Amino acid sequence: MNPYNRVVIKVGSSVLTEKGEIAKERMVNLVSFIVEVRKKYEVIFVSSGAAAAGYTALKLDKREHISKKVLAAIGQPILMSSYKRKFDIYDTDIAQILLTEDDFDSRKRTEIFRQIIQTSFKEDIIPIINENDISSTPDQIFGDNDQLAAKVTHYTNSDLLVVLTDRDGYYDSDPNENPNAQILKEVNSISEDELTAVYRPHHEFTSGGLYTKLVAADFLINKKREMFLCSGFDLSTAYEYLMDGKYTKGTLFRAKH
């Protein structure tokens, strides 16, 4: 079985939205999944989707910097209200935590963040974390929630980051170009060539794509922590790995033991 105690689950906008709307069925499945995983682990939830949720209410040009901030401002309450309604079904309380890069550059701020997480666990509350897109300046932002989730994993002393995305795992070549591409079951290091390659995100509201996931994985490998990359559309892969300790799809990033 997995030697984990505390896990971070991160979900991307490509999973949470579809055709300009919140993907309600996927969100219901996600909430149900998190509730189940909490029976075995301490869980921190990192959720993208604020700007995408805002776009469902107001169609601003998301390419403009200020427009994206406005969309995030509109979308945060929409997103959290959606989560609250669904977690209420399971009589589960949630708390929203908005962070910037600065929160990990200050010992005092980082310690406050840790204390909030500890209190959330003590009070049986699920912390839901997102980047503070609204008030952050360009030098304060992570730029994508993969980096945010990796930092949260490290600074909360979590054992594993589970990234739920629009991919089944990390392939040995581009599956869109090579029909024989195979998912790499385990990756112990990431080369400079892989890190510097340009990967384009598949979804209009994602800010990272595969590249930022590799950067997050590289960060965690160097910190002796683990990351599991798998589909957020079919949660059976993540469920089997976390609850049964087995997997047929998905990629585990970890340092060699």
Protein backbone atom coordinates (compact mmCIF):
# COMPACT_ATOMS: atom_id res chain seq x y z
CA MET A 1 0.00 0.00 0.00
CA ASN A 2 1.03 3.62 -0.48
CA PRO A 3 3.14 5.09 2.34
CA TYR A 4 1.28 8.39 2.19
CA ASN A 5 -0.36 10.36 4.96
CA ARG A 6 -1.10 13.75 3.39
CA VAL A 7 -1.87 14.34 -0.29
CA VAL A 8 -2.54 17.38 -2.47
CA ILE A 9 -5.08 16.97 -5.27
CA LYS A 10 -4.90 19.52 -8.09
CA VAL A 11 -7.48 19.87 -10.85
CA GLY A 12 -7.14 21.97 -13.97
CA SER A 13 -9.58 24.19 -15.86
CA SER A 14 -9.72 21.73 -18.75
CA VAL A 15 -11.38 19.23 -16.39
CA LEU A 16 -13.68 21.69 -14.64
CA THR A 17 -15.16 23.39 -17.71
CA GLU A 18 -16.54 22.36 -21.07
CA LYS A 19 -17.82 24.52 -23.94
CA GLY A 20 -17.73 27.66 -21.82
CA GLU A 21 -19.66 26.18 -18.92
CA ILE A 22 -18.78 24.47 -15.65
CA ALA A 23 -18.74 20.71 -16.25
CA LYS A 24 -21.25 19.88 -13.50
CA GLU A 25 -21.07 16.10 -13.77
CA ARG A 26 -17.27 16.09 -13.63
CA MET A 27 -17.37 18.42 -10.62
CA VAL A 28 -19.84 16.11 -8.85
CA ASN A 29 -17.57 13.14 -9.55
CA LEU A 30 -14.55 15.10 -8.35
CA VAL A 31 -16.19 16.08 -5.07
CA SER A 32 -17.33 12.49 -4.48
CA PHE A 33 -13.77 11.32 -5.18
CA ILE A 34 -12.24 13.78 -2.71
CA VAL A 35 -14.72 12.79 -0.01
CA GLU A 36 -13.71 9.14 -0.46
CA VAL A 37 -9.97 9.89 -0.47
CA ARG A 38 -10.35 11.86 2.79
CA LYS A 39 -11.36 8.64 4.53
CA LYS A 40 -7.77 7.49 4.13
CA TYR A 41 -5.61 10.64 3.84
CA GLU A 42 -5.39 14.25 4.87
CA VAL A 43 -6.35 16.10 1.69
CA ILE A 44 -5.48 19.58 0.41
CA PHE A 45 -7.35 20.56 -2.75
CA VAL A 46 -5.85 22.95 -5.32
CA SER A 47 -8.43 24.06 -7.87
CA SER A 48 -8.06 26.07 -11.04
CA GLY A 49 -11.11 27.40 -12.82
CA ALA A 50 -11.89 30.84 -11.38
CA ALA A 51 -11.36 32.74 -14.65
CA ALA A 52 -13.12 30.00 -16.60
CA ALA A 53 -16.07 30.16 -14.19
CA GLY A 54 -16.14 33.95 -14.57
CA TYR A 55 -16.31 33.58 -18.33
CA THR A 56 -19.55 31.62 -17.96
CA ALA A 57 -21.11 34.81 -16.58
CA LEU A 58 -19.30 37.53 -18.57
CA LYS A 59 -17.60 37.06 -21.94
CA LEU A 60 -14.59 39.35 -21.58
CA ASP A 61 -11.44 39.03 -23.70
CA LYS A 62 -9.43 36.61 -21.57
CA ARG A 63 -6.21 37.52 -23.40
CA GLU A 64 -6.18 40.96 -21.74
CA HIS A 65 -4.43 41.09 -18.35
CA ILE A 66 -7.07 43.14 -16.53
CA SER A 67 -9.94 41.25 -18.13
CA LYS A 68 -8.52 38.00 -16.78
CA LYS A 69 -8.38 39.52 -13.30
CA VAL A 70 -12.01 40.65 -13.61
CA LEU A 71 -13.01 37.18 -14.79
CA ALA A 72 -11.23 35.66 -11.79
CA ALA A 73 -12.97 38.11 -9.45
CA ILE A 74 -16.36 37.16 -10.89
CA GLY A 75 -15.50 33.48 -11.06
CA GLN A 76 -14.14 32.87 -7.56
CA PRO A 77 -17.55 33.07 -5.83
CA ILE A 78 -19.19 31.12 -8.67
CA LEU A 79 -16.59 28.36 -8.38
CA MET A 80 -16.68 28.20 -4.59
CA SER A 81 -20.49 28.27 -4.51
CA SER A 82 -20.51 25.31 -6.89
CA TYR A 83 -18.08 23.42 -4.68
CA LYS A 84 -19.98 24.30 -1.51
CA ARG A 85 -23.30 23.00 -2.85
CA LYS A 86 -21.68 19.72 -3.80
CA PHE A 87 -19.65 19.25 -0.62
CA ASP A 88 -22.78 20.07 1.41
CA ILE A 89 -24.32 16.88 0.03
CA TYR A 90 -21.66 15.01 2.04
CA ASP A 91 -21.96 17.33 5.07
CA THR A 92 -18.38 18.45 4.44
CA ASP A 93 -17.10 21.96 5.18
CA ILE A 94 -14.67 23.77 2.91
CA ALA A 95 -12.41 26.83 3.24
CA GLN A 96 -10.97 28.98 0.48
CA ILE A 97 -7.29 30.00 0.58
CA LEU A 98 -5.87 32.38 -2.04
CA LEU A 99 -2.09 32.52 -2.35
CA THR A 100 0.62 34.37 -4.26
CA GLU A 101 4.30 33.55 -4.77
CA ASP A 102 5.12 35.95 -1.92
CA ASP A 103 3.38 33.64 0.56
CA PHE A 104 6.24 31.16 0.09
CA ASP A 105 9.02 33.77 0.08
CA SER A 106 8.37 34.82 3.67
CA ARG A 107 8.90 32.52 6.65
CA LYS A 108 6.19 34.34 8.56
CA ARG A 109 3.64 34.06 5.75
CA THR A 110 4.51 30.43 5.07
CA GLU A 111 4.10 29.59 8.75
CA ILE A 112 0.70 31.30 8.85
CA PHE A 113 -0.33 29.26 5.81
CA ARG A 114 0.83 26.04 7.50
CA GLN A 115 -1.13 26.90 10.64
CA ILE A 116 -4.28 27.52 8.58
CA ILE A 117 -3.86 24.11 6.95
CA GLN A 118 -3.29 22.41 10.32
CA THR A 119 -6.36 24.08 11.82
CA SER A 120 -8.43 23.07 8.78
CA PHE A 121 -7.47 19.43 9.33
CA LYS A 122 -8.15 19.69 13.05
CA GLU A 123 -11.63 21.08 12.37
CA ASP A 124 -12.30 18.54 9.59
CA ILE A 125 -12.42 21.21 6.87
CA ILE A 126 -11.17 20.76 3.31
CA PRO A 127 -8.84 23.63 2.32
CA ILE A 128 -9.40 24.67 -1.30
CA ILE A 129 -6.45 26.63 -2.66
CA ASN A 130 -6.18 28.82 -5.73
CA GLU A 131 -3.81 31.52 -6.91
CA ASN A 132 -4.81 35.05 -5.97
CA ASP A 133 -5.11 36.29 -9.56
CA ILE A 134 -7.00 39.41 -8.55
CA SER A 135 -4.59 41.36 -6.34
CA SER A 136 -1.26 39.85 -7.35
CA THR A 137 1.27 41.79 -9.40
CA PRO A 138 3.28 40.13 -12.22
CA ASP A 139 6.23 39.41 -9.89
CA GLN A 140 3.94 37.78 -7.30
CA ILE A 141 2.18 35.25 -9.50
CA PHE A 142 3.00 31.59 -10.07
CA GLY A 143 1.61 31.78 -13.59
CA ASP A 144 -0.03 28.38 -13.34
CA ASN A 145 -1.53 26.22 -10.64
CA ASP A 146 0.87 23.33 -11.28
CA GLN A 147 3.66 25.40 -9.71
CA LEU A 148 1.33 26.52 -6.94
CA ALA A 149 0.34 22.92 -6.19
CA ALA A 150 3.97 21.78 -6.13
CA LYS A 151 4.89 24.53 -3.66
CA VAL A 152 1.84 23.71 -1.51
CA THR A 153 2.86 20.04 -1.51
CA HIS A 154 6.38 20.83 -0.35
CA TYR A 155 5.64 23.53 2.21
CA THR A 156 2.80 21.59 3.86
CA ASN A 157 5.02 18.51 4.11
CA SER A 158 2.63 16.53 1.92
CA ASP A 159 3.78 13.19 0.53
CA LEU A 160 2.16 13.27 -2.88
CA LEU A 161 0.71 15.64 -5.46
CA VAL A 162 -2.02 14.16 -7.66
CA VAL A 163 -2.52 16.21 -10.85
CA LEU A 164 -5.88 15.58 -12.52
CA THR A 165 -5.71 16.77 -16.11
CA ASP A 166 -6.86 16.12 -19.67
CA ARG A 167 -4.08 13.55 -20.14
CA ASP A 168 -3.92 9.89 -19.15
CA GLY A 169 -0.27 10.28 -18.17
CA TYR A 170 3.14 11.27 -19.51
CA TYR A 171 3.93 9.54 -22.82
CA ASP A 172 7.27 8.59 -24.32
CA SER A 173 6.28 10.61 -27.42
CA ASP A 174 3.40 12.79 -28.55
CA PRO A 175 0.33 10.49 -28.79
CA ASN A 176 -1.29 12.96 -31.21
CA GLU A 177 1.52 12.32 -33.67
CA ASN A 178 2.56 8.78 -32.76
CA PRO A 179 -0.23 6.18 -32.46
CA ASN A 180 2.27 3.81 -30.80
CA ALA A 181 3.16 6.24 -28.00
CA GLN A 182 3.26 4.58 -24.59
CA ILE A 183 2.54 6.00 -21.15
CA LEU A 184 5.62 6.04 -18.92
CA LYS A 185 4.58 4.29 -15.72
CA GLU A 186 7.35 5.80 -13.58
CA VAL A 187 9.74 8.71 -14.17
CA ASN A 188 12.71 9.28 -11.86
CA SER A 189 14.28 12.31 -13.52
CA ILE A 190 13.45 14.90 -16.15
CA SER A 191 16.04 16.06 -18.66
CA GLU A 192 16.79 19.65 -19.61
CA ASP A 193 15.52 18.88 -23.12
CA GLU A 194 12.16 17.88 -21.70
CA LEU A 195 11.97 20.95 -19.47
CA THR A 196 12.90 23.41 -22.21
CA ALA A 197 10.62 21.92 -24.87
CA VAL A 198 7.58 24.03 -25.66
CA TYR A 199 4.26 22.37 -24.92
CA ARG A 200 1.10 24.22 -25.81
CA PRO A 201 -1.92 23.97 -23.48
CA HIS A 202 -4.96 22.28 -24.98
CA HIS A 203 -7.56 24.43 -23.26
CA GLU A 204 -8.19 28.16 -23.60
CA PHE A 205 -8.10 28.82 -19.84
CA THR A 206 -5.07 26.71 -18.97
CA SER A 207 -1.85 28.62 -18.43
CA GLY A 208 0.55 25.73 -18.33
CA GLY A 209 0.01 22.58 -20.32
CA LEU A 210 2.41 19.65 -20.05
CA TYR A 211 5.50 21.83 -19.67
CA THR A 212 4.49 23.27 -16.31
CA LYS A 213 3.53 19.81 -15.06
CA LEU A 214 7.04 18.60 -15.84
CA VAL A 215 8.49 21.62 -14.03
CA ALA A 216 6.29 20.82 -11.02
CA ALA A 217 7.32 17.16 -11.15
CA ASP A 218 11.00 18.10 -11.38
CA PHE A 219 10.64 20.39 -8.36
CA LEU A 220 9.03 17.62 -6.30
CA ILE A 221 11.51 14.94 -7.40
CA ASN A 222 14.32 17.21 -6.18
CA LYS A 223 12.47 17.66 -2.87
CA LYS A 224 12.11 13.85 -2.50
CA ARG A 225 8.36 14.08 -2.89
CA GLU A 226 6.12 12.37 -5.43
CA MET A 227 3.67 13.41 -8.13
CA PHE A 228 1.05 11.30 -9.90
CA LEU A 229 -0.22 12.58 -13.25
CA CYS A 230 -3.49 11.09 -14.52
CA SER A 231 -6.86 11.78 -16.10
CA GLY A 232 -9.40 14.04 -14.43
CA PHE A 233 -12.11 12.84 -16.81
CA ASP A 234 -11.93 9.24 -15.60
CA LEU A 235 -11.09 9.27 -11.89
CA SER A 236 -10.76 5.49 -11.63
CA THR A 237 -7.00 5.72 -12.25
CA ALA A 238 -6.48 8.15 -9.36
CA TYR A 239 -8.88 6.20 -7.14
CA GLU A 240 -7.16 2.88 -7.75
CA TYR A 241 -3.74 4.35 -7.06
CA LEU A 242 -4.71 6.18 -3.87
CA MET A 243 -7.15 3.66 -2.43
CA ASP A 244 -5.86 0.33 -3.74
CA GLY A 245 -2.19 1.08 -4.33
CA LYS A 246 -2.25 0.00 -7.97
CA TYR A 247 -2.48 1.62 -11.37
CA THR A 248 -2.56 0.68 -15.03
CA LYS A 249 -2.56 4.23 -16.36
CA GLY A 250 -1.06 7.45 -15.09
CA THR A 251 2.57 8.37 -14.47
CA LEU A 252 4.30 8.41 -11.09
CA PHE A 253 7.16 10.91 -10.78
CA ARG A 254 9.54 10.15 -7.93
CA ALA A 255 13.21 10.02 -7.12
CA LYS A 256 14.91 6.65 -7.25
CA HIS A 257 14.82 4.92 -3.89
